[in-house]
C-alpha atoms as a PDB file:
ATOM      1  CA  UNK A   1     182.448  62.734 277.625  1.00  0.00           C
ATOM      2  CA  UNK A   2     182.897  66.721 278.232  1.00  0.00           C
ATOM      3  CA  UNK A   3     181.940  68.126 281.786  1.00  0.00           C
ATOM      4  CA  UNK A   4     179.736  70.794 282.823  1.00  0.00           C
ATOM      5  CA  UNK A   5     180.886  73.885 284.334  1.00  0.00           C
ATOM      6  CA  UNK A   6     179.351  75.751 287.213  1.00  0.00           C
ATOM      7  CA  UNK A   7     181.178  79.024 288.418  1.00  0.00           C
ATOM      8  CA  UNK A   8     179.513  80.399 291.504  1.00  0.00           C
ATOM      9  CA  UNK A   9     180.452  83.804 293.457  1.00  0.00           C
ATOM     10  CA  UNK A  10     183.898  83.195 292.389  1.00  0.00           C
ATOM     11  CA  UNK A  11     186.416  85.610 293.434  1.00  0.00           C
ATOM     12  CA  UNK A  12     190.424  85.751 293.734  1.00  0.00           C
ATOM     13  CA  UNK A  13     192.490  88.835 294.768  1.00  0.00           C
ATOM     14  CA  UNK A  14     196.041  88.567 294.688  1.00  0.00           C
ATOM     15  CA  UNK A  15     196.592  88.463 298.232  1.00  0.00           C
ATOM     16  CA  UNK A  16     194.321  87.337 300.826  1.00  0.00           C
ATOM     17  CA  UNK A  17     192.268  90.031 302.256  1.00  0.00           C
ATOM     18  CA  UNK A  18     192.595  92.047 299.534  1.00  0.00           C
ATOM     19  CA  UNK A  19     189.891  93.554 297.728  1.00  0.00           C
ATOM     20  CA  UNK A  20     189.214  90.452 294.290  1.00  0.00           C
ATOM     21  CA  UNK A  21     190.629  91.095 291.293  1.00  0.00           C
ATOM     22  CA  UNK A  22     188.644  88.582 289.790  1.00  0.00           C
ATOM     23  CA  UNK A  23     184.399  88.468 290.126  1.00  0.00           C
ATOM     24  CA  UNK A  24     182.257  85.771 288.684  1.00  0.00           C
ATOM     25  CA  UNK A  25     179.011  85.922 289.979  1.00  0.00           C
ATOM     26  CA  UNK A  26     177.911  83.180 287.828  1.00  0.00           C
ATOM     27  CA  UNK A  27     178.028  80.818 284.751  1.00  0.00           C
ATOM     28  CA  UNK A  28     176.402  77.934 283.498  1.00  0.00           C
ATOM     29  CA  UNK A  29     178.370  75.970 280.860  1.00  0.00           C
ATOM     30  CA  UNK A  30     176.389  72.605 279.576  1.00  0.00           C
ATOM     31  CA  UNK A  31     178.859  69.689 278.785  1.00  0.00           C
ATOM     32  CA  UNK A  32     180.040  69.817 275.421  1.00  0.00           C
ATOM     33  CA  UNK A  33     180.215  73.430 274.677  1.00  0.00           C
ATOM     34  CA  UNK A  34     182.687  75.745 273.419  1.00  0.00           C
ATOM     35  CA  UNK A  35     182.992  78.906 275.768  1.00  0.00           C
ATOM     36  CA  UNK A  36     185.296  81.373 274.444  1.00  0.00           C
ATOM     37  CA  UNK A  37     186.716  84.482 276.875  1.00  0.00           C
ATOM     38  CA  UNK A  38     187.583  87.978 275.589  1.00  0.00           C
ATOM     39  CA  UNK A  39     188.554  91.225 277.153  1.00  0.00           C
ATOM     40  CA  UNK A  40     191.279  93.603 276.415  1.00  0.00           C
ATOM     41  CA  UNK A  41     195.176  92.547 277.788  1.00  0.00           C
ATOM     42  CA  UNK A  42     195.328  92.389 281.320  1.00  0.00           C
ATOM     43  CA  UNK A  43     191.539  91.917 281.787  1.00  0.00           C
ATOM     44  CA  UNK A  44     191.995  88.821 283.949  1.00  0.00           C
ATOM     45  CA  UNK A  45     191.504  85.846 281.196  1.00  0.00           C
ATOM     46  CA  UNK A  46     194.682  84.228 282.243  1.00  0.00           C
ATOM     47  CA  UNK A  47     193.843  84.148 285.586  1.00  0.00           C
ATOM     48  CA  UNK A  48     190.337  82.558 285.545  1.00  0.00           C
ATOM     49  CA  UNK A  49     191.766  79.944 283.262  1.00  0.00           C
ATOM     50  CA  UNK A  50     194.095  78.917 286.303  1.00  0.00           C
ATOM     51  CA  UNK A  51     191.625  79.031 288.347  1.00  0.00           C
ATOM     52  CA  UNK A  52     189.227  76.745 286.333  1.00  0.00           C
ATOM     53  CA  UNK A  53     191.943  74.381 285.818  1.00  0.00           C
ATOM     54  CA  UNK A  54     192.504  73.984 289.409  1.00  0.00           C
ATOM     55  CA  UNK A  55     195.794  75.832 289.983  1.00  0.00           C
ATOM     56  CA  UNK A  56     195.168  78.433 291.551  1.00  0.00           C
ATOM     57  CA  UNK A  57     193.362  78.620 294.771  1.00  0.00           C
ATOM     58  CA  UNK A  58     189.858  80.253 295.077  1.00  0.00           C
ATOM     59  CA  UNK A  59     189.577  82.949 297.665  1.00  0.00           C
ATOM     60  CA  UNK A  60     186.041  82.398 297.891  1.00  0.00           C
ATOM     61  CA  UNK A  61     183.387  80.912 295.710  1.00  0.00           C
ATOM     62  CA  UNK A  62     183.094  77.369 293.901  1.00  0.00           C
ATOM     63  CA  UNK A  63     184.181  76.153 290.779  1.00  0.00           C
ATOM     64  CA  UNK A  64     182.323  72.663 289.500  1.00  0.00           C
ATOM     65  CA  UNK A  65     183.277  71.056 286.809  1.00  0.00           C
ATOM     66  CA  UNK A  66     180.582  67.678 286.719  1.00  0.00           C
ATOM     67  CA  UNK A  67     180.061  66.294 289.955  1.00  0.00           C
ATOM     68  CA  UNK A  68     184.010  67.923 291.028  1.00  0.00           C
ATOM     69  CA  UNK A  69     183.996  70.891 293.289  1.00  0.00           C
ATOM     70  CA  UNK A  70     187.491  72.351 292.817  1.00  0.00           C
ATOM     71  CA  UNK A  71     187.077  74.311 296.043  1.00  0.00           C
ATOM     72  CA  UNK A  72     186.575  71.386 298.250  1.00  0.00           C
ATOM     73  CA  UNK A  73     189.159  68.991 296.806  1.00  0.00           C
ATOM     74  CA  UNK A  74     192.378  68.577 298.172  1.00  0.00           C
ATOM     75  CA  UNK A  75     195.719  69.422 296.650  1.00  0.00           C
ATOM     76  CA  UNK A  76     196.453  65.528 295.409  1.00  0.00           C
ATOM     77  CA  UNK A  77     192.717  64.862 294.390  1.00  0.00           C
ATOM     78  CA  UNK A  78     192.622  67.926 292.217  1.00  0.00           C
ATOM     79  CA  UNK A  79     196.194  66.922 290.537  1.00  0.00           C
ATOM     80  CA  UNK A  80     194.631  63.801 289.854  1.00  0.00           C
ATOM     81  CA  UNK A  81     191.302  65.038 288.861  1.00  0.00           C
ATOM     82  CA  UNK A  82     193.198  67.590 286.303  1.00  0.00           C
ATOM     83  CA  UNK A  83     195.792  65.070 285.207  1.00  0.00           C
ATOM     84  CA  UNK A  84     193.161  62.529 284.105  1.00  0.00           C
ATOM     85  CA  UNK A  85     190.525  65.275 282.459  1.00  0.00           C
ATOM     86  CA  UNK A  86     192.164  68.223 281.409  1.00  0.00           C
ATOM     87  CA  UNK A  87     194.127  69.282 278.305  1.00  0.00           C
ATOM     88  CA  UNK A  88     195.699  72.894 278.991  1.00  0.00           C
ATOM     89  CA  UNK A  89     197.429  74.785 276.407  1.00  0.00           C
ATOM     90  CA  UNK A  90     198.714  78.277 278.183  1.00  0.00           C
ATOM     91  CA  UNK A  91     200.721  81.103 276.950  1.00  0.00           C
ATOM     92  CA  UNK A  92     204.435  80.147 278.045  1.00  0.00           C
ATOM     93  CA  UNK A  93     204.158  76.926 276.590  1.00  0.00           C
ATOM     94  CA  UNK A  94     205.798  74.667 279.906  1.00  0.00           C
ATOM     95  CA  UNK A  95     207.922  72.751 277.467  1.00  0.00           C
ATOM     96  CA  UNK A  96     211.096  70.848 278.413  1.00  0.00           C
ATOM     97  CA  UNK A  97     214.269  72.543 276.202  1.00  0.00           C
ATOM     98  CA  UNK A  98     216.138  69.831 276.676  1.00  0.00           C
ATOM     99  CA  UNK A  99     213.767  67.061 275.040  1.00  0.00           C
ATOM    100  CA  UNK A 100     212.423  66.825 272.033  1.00  0.00           C
ATOM    101  CA  UNK A 101     209.250  68.132 270.359  1.00  0.00           C
ATOM    102  CA  UNK A 102     208.095  64.432 270.556  1.00  0.00           C
ATOM    103  CA  UNK A 103     209.158  63.564 273.984  1.00  0.00           C
ATOM    104  CA  UNK A 104     207.586  66.726 275.484  1.00  0.00           C
ATOM    105  CA  UNK A 105     204.392  65.416 273.593  1.00  0.00           C
ATOM    106  CA  UNK A 106     204.398  61.895 275.682  1.00  0.00           C
ATOM    107  CA  UNK A 107     205.918  62.916 278.942  1.00  0.00           C
ATOM    108  CA  UNK A 108     202.654  63.562 280.582  1.00  0.00           C
ATOM    109  CA  UNK A 109     201.765  60.104 279.809  1.00  0.00           C
ATOM    110  CA  UNK A 110     204.804  58.288 281.822  1.00  0.00           C
ATOM    111  CA  UNK A 111     203.094  59.222 284.916  1.00  0.00           C
ATOM    112  CA  UNK A 112     200.721  56.720 284.384  1.00  0.00           C
ATOM    113  CA  UNK A 113     202.339  54.505 281.918  1.00  0.00           C
ATOM    114  CA  UNK A 114     205.870  53.005 282.586  1.00  0.00           C
ATOM    115  CA  UNK A 115     206.008  52.055 279.083  1.00  0.00           C
ATOM    116  CA  UNK A 116     204.663  54.476 276.072  1.00  0.00           C
ATOM    117  CA  UNK A 117     202.890  51.538 273.750  1.00  0.00           C
ATOM    118  CA  UNK A 118     203.929  52.244 270.145  1.00  0.00           C
ATOM    119  CA  UNK A 119     200.203  53.145 269.157  1.00  0.00           C
ATOM    120  CA  UNK A 120     200.481  56.396 271.623  1.00  0.00           C
ATOM    121  CA  UNK A 121     203.442  57.117 269.701  1.00  0.00           C
ATOM    122  CA  UNK A 122     201.901  56.858 266.462  1.00  0.00           C
ATOM    123  CA  UNK A 123     199.354  59.289 268.112  1.00  0.00           C
ATOM    124  CA  UNK A 124     201.822  61.506 269.140  1.00  0.00           C
ATOM    125  CA  UNK A 125     203.878  61.960 265.633  1.00  0.00           C
ATOM    126  CA  UNK A 126     200.239  62.209 263.650  1.00  0.00           C
ATOM    127  CA  UNK A 127     199.324  64.865 266.085  1.00  0.00           C
ATOM    128  CA  UNK A 128     202.683  66.841 265.428  1.00  0.00           C
ATOM    129  CA  UNK A 129     202.357  66.393 261.802  1.00  0.00           C
ATOM    130  CA  UNK A 130     199.081  67.528 261.478  1.00  0.00           C
ATOM    131  CA  UNK A 131     200.005  70.790 263.356  1.00  0.00           C
ATOM    132  CA  UNK A 132     202.631  71.597 261.117  1.00  0.00           C
ATOM    133  CA  UNK A 133     205.555  70.749 263.518  1.00  0.00           C
ATOM    134  CA  UNK A 134     207.969  68.260 260.985  1.00  0.00           C
ATOM    135  CA  UNK A 135     210.750  68.374 263.277  1.00  0.00           C
ATOM    136  CA  UNK A 136     209.590  65.849 265.988  1.00  0.00           C
ATOM    137  CA  UNK A 137     212.970  64.711 267.433  1.00  0.00           C
ATOM    138  CA  UNK A 138     214.314  68.248 267.598  1.00  0.00           C
ATOM    139  CA  UNK A 139     214.511  69.574 271.129  1.00  0.00           C
ATOM    140  CA  UNK A 140     212.052  71.635 271.904  1.00  0.00           C
ATOM    141  CA  UNK A 141     214.567  74.798 273.100  1.00  0.00           C
ATOM    142  CA  UNK A 142     215.755  74.962 269.209  1.00  0.00           C
ATOM    143  CA  UNK A 143     212.273  75.501 267.889  1.00  0.00           C
ATOM    144  CA  UNK A 144     210.132  78.893 266.879  1.00  0.00           C
ATOM    145  CA  UNK A 145     207.705  80.463 269.441  1.00  0.00           C
ATOM    146  CA  UNK A 146     204.909  78.799 267.072  1.00  0.00           C
ATOM    147  CA  UNK A 147     206.304  75.303 266.631  1.00  0.00           C
ATOM    148  CA  UNK A 148     206.673  75.347 270.344  1.00  0.00           C
ATOM    149  CA  UNK A 149     202.811  76.534 270.750  1.00  0.00           C
ATOM    150  CA  UNK A 150     201.892  73.953 268.329  1.00  0.00           C
ATOM    151  CA  UNK A 151     203.739  70.950 270.214  1.00  0.00           C
ATOM    152  CA  UNK A 152     202.142  72.103 273.358  1.00  0.00           C
ATOM    153  CA  UNK A 153     198.632  71.966 271.881  1.00  0.00           C
ATOM    154  CA  UNK A 154     199.604  68.443 270.544  1.00  0.00           C
ATOM    155  CA  UNK A 155     201.028  67.538 274.698  1.00  0.00           C
ATOM    156  CA  UNK A 156     197.139  68.992 275.921  1.00  0.00           C
ATOM    157  CA  UNK A 157     195.342  66.635 272.662  1.00  0.00           C
ATOM    158  CA  UNK A 158     197.293  63.610 273.406  1.00  0.00           C
ATOM    159  CA  UNK A 159     194.970  61.933 275.958  1.00  0.00           C
ATOM    160  CA  UNK A 160     191.306  63.190 274.604  1.00  0.00           C
ATOM    161  CA  UNK A 161     190.528  64.742 277.559  1.00  0.00           C
ATOM    162  CA  UNK A 162     187.212  65.625 278.685  1.00  0.00           C
ATOM    163  CA  UNK A 163     187.996  69.187 279.152  1.00  0.00           C
ATOM    164  CA  UNK A 164     190.124  71.841 276.964  1.00  0.00           C
ATOM    165  CA  UNK A 165     191.534  74.837 278.705  1.00  0.00           C
ATOM    166  CA  UNK A 166     193.326  77.356 275.927  1.00  0.00           C
ATOM    167  CA  UNK A 167     194.978  80.745 276.597  1.00  0.00           C
ATOM    168  CA  UNK A 168     195.287  82.450 273.457  1.00  0.00           C
ATOM    169  CA  UNK A 169     196.807  79.236 271.658  1.00  0.00           C
ATOM    170  CA  UNK A 170     196.922  80.867 268.414  1.00  0.00           C
ATOM    171  CA  UNK A 171     198.997  84.536 269.450  1.00  0.00           C
ATOM    172  CA  UNK A 172     202.494  82.929 268.479  1.00  0.00           C
ATOM    173  CA  UNK A 173     201.261  81.668 265.001  1.00  0.00           C
ATOM    174  CA  UNK A 174     201.515  83.258 261.558  1.00  0.00           C
ATOM    175  CA  UNK A 175     197.580  83.427 260.015  1.00  0.00           C
ATOM    176  CA  UNK A 176     197.866  80.277 258.209  1.00  0.00           C
ATOM    177  CA  UNK A 177     198.632  78.130 261.290  1.00  0.00           C
ATOM    178  CA  UNK A 178     196.503  80.377 263.386  1.00  0.00           C
ATOM    179  CA  UNK A 179     193.176  78.934 260.887  1.00  0.00           C
ATOM    180  CA  UNK A 180     194.849  75.318 261.532  1.00  0.00           C
ATOM    181  CA  UNK A 181     195.260  75.211 265.028  1.00  0.00           C
ATOM    182  CA  UNK A 182     192.154  77.050 265.973  1.00  0.00           C
ATOM    183  CA  UNK A 183     190.352  74.422 263.790  1.00  0.00           C
ATOM    184  CA  UNK A 184     192.042  71.527 265.305  1.00  0.00           C
ATOM    185  CA  UNK A 185     191.159  72.900 268.648  1.00  0.00           C
ATOM    186  CA  UNK A 186     187.382  73.599 267.871  1.00  0.00           C
ATOM    187  CA  UNK A 187     187.246  70.164 265.719  1.00  0.00           C
ATOM    188  CA  UNK A 188     188.885  68.165 268.546  1.00  0.00           C
ATOM    189  CA  UNK A 189     186.501  69.370 271.214  1.00  0.00           C
ATOM    190  CA  UNK A 190     183.482  69.207 268.825  1.00  0.00           C
ATOM    191  CA  UNK A 191     184.517  65.245 267.795  1.00  0.00           C
ATOM    192  CA  UNK A 192     185.223  64.332 271.317  1.00  0.00           C
ATOM    193  CA  UNK A 193     182.414  65.815 273.060  1.00  0.00           C
ATOM    194  CA  UNK A 194     184.839  67.862 274.906  1.00  0.00           C
ATOM    195  CA  UNK A 195     184.147  71.307 276.908  1.00  0.00           C
ATOM    196  CA  UNK A 196     186.507  73.816 275.619  1.00  0.00           C
ATOM    197  CA  UNK A 197     187.224  77.218 277.119  1.00  0.00           C
ATOM    198  CA  UNK A 198     189.379  79.183 275.098  1.00  0.00           C
ATOM    199  CA  UNK A 199     190.344  82.822 275.430  1.00  0.00           C
ATOM    200  CA  UNK A 200     190.788  84.328 272.097  1.00  0.00           C
ATOM    201  CA  UNK A 201     189.959  87.409 269.623  1.00  0.00           C
ATOM    202  CA  UNK A 202     189.784  85.153 266.460  1.00  0.00           C
ATOM    203  CA  UNK A 203     186.358  86.029 264.497  1.00  0.00           C
ATOM    204  CA  UNK A 204     186.627  82.640 263.653  1.00  0.00           C
ATOM    205  CA  UNK A 205     186.591  81.218 266.893  1.00  0.00           C
ATOM    206  CA  UNK A 206     184.148  83.439 268.317  1.00  0.00           C
ATOM    207  CA  UNK A 207     181.802  82.677 265.406  1.00  0.00           C
ATOM    208  CA  UNK A 208     182.049  79.224 266.342  1.00  0.00           C
ATOM    209  CA  UNK A 209     180.961  79.603 270.428  1.00  0.00           C
ATOM    210  CA  UNK A 210     178.292  78.740 272.057  1.00  0.00           C
ATOM    211  CA  UNK A 211     178.871  80.915 275.269  1.00  0.00           C
ATOM    212  CA  UNK A 212     181.128  83.903 275.211  1.00  0.00           C
ATOM    213  CA  UNK A 213     182.324  85.070 278.303  1.00  0.00           C
ATOM    214  CA  UNK A 214     183.053  88.902 278.380  1.00  0.00           C
ATOM    215  CA  UNK A 215     185.354  90.430 281.122  1.00  0.00           C
ATOM    216  CA  UNK A 216     187.152  93.723 281.958  1.00  0.00           C
ATOM    217  CA  UNK A 217     189.656  94.732 285.031  1.00  0.00           C
ATOM    218  CA  UNK A 218     188.653  90.953 286.347  1.00  0.00           C
ATOM    219  CA  UNK A 219     184.952  91.528 286.457  1.00  0.00           C
ATOM    220  CA  UNK A 220     182.270  89.809 284.352  1.00  0.00           C
ATOM    221  CA  UNK A 221     180.896  92.067 281.581  1.00  0.00           C
ATOM    222  CA  UNK A 222     178.750  89.811 279.837  1.00  0.00           C
ATOM    223  CA  UNK A 223     177.903  86.253 279.357  1.00  0.00           C
ATOM    224  CA  UNK A 224     175.792  85.154 276.573  1.00  0.00           C
ATOM    225  CA  UNK A 225     174.552  82.103 274.567  1.00  0.00           C
ATOM    226  CA  UNK A 226     175.511  82.173 271.051  1.00  0.00           C
ATOM    227  CA  UNK A 227     172.472  80.545 269.322  1.00  0.00           C
ATOM    228  CA  UNK A 228     175.023  80.466 265.880  1.00  0.00           C
ATOM    229  CA  UNK A 229     177.307  78.375 267.901  1.00  0.00           C
ATOM    230  CA  UNK A 230     178.111  74.969 266.009  1.00  0.00           C
ATOM    231  CA  UNK A 231     176.362  71.687 268.084  1.00  0.00           C
END
């Protein structure tokens, strides 16, 4: 179900013509892998995740998921590919404050379903419960930051995506919930055969990785396969 990833001569700058800030010469990852992005704050990890999601345009090079080269796709095709294949958890949550937690989780599905099936609603409720969000009908704007992050994670997992991209998904959580959420993401990726790319400093996450990509100031420092990763 997962998708292989090949990054080749990726370059991205803050403005066309500027010296590239992000440079990734070559990364190859087989499908169903867990890749952990590491590096200091401001290293470019979030920007790289946006590039991998096709939400930022490459200035040169390529990002290819399976047979899908994001650099050559039209905007509409890239948006459709992302909607059908990618679950995203970013630091700013991207929730609608005036909708309930449950409706935020179900919202992306309304783009392809006029009516949400009862079993889909039940799955959403179960995900929220498992992630520790008991107030599923509370407005997202009334939730704590930790609860908002858990809602955004449930939304990302709803369609059993083949690709999961997560940017410091546990940054707003306490230690107990941090372990719960990271375990859920890793388990979901492994059980569903998804490819997971996650920015994290958690030892637990790095210990379970198949690959670790370390970047600093936008430049790839190292890319290593971990023999200890779960397969």
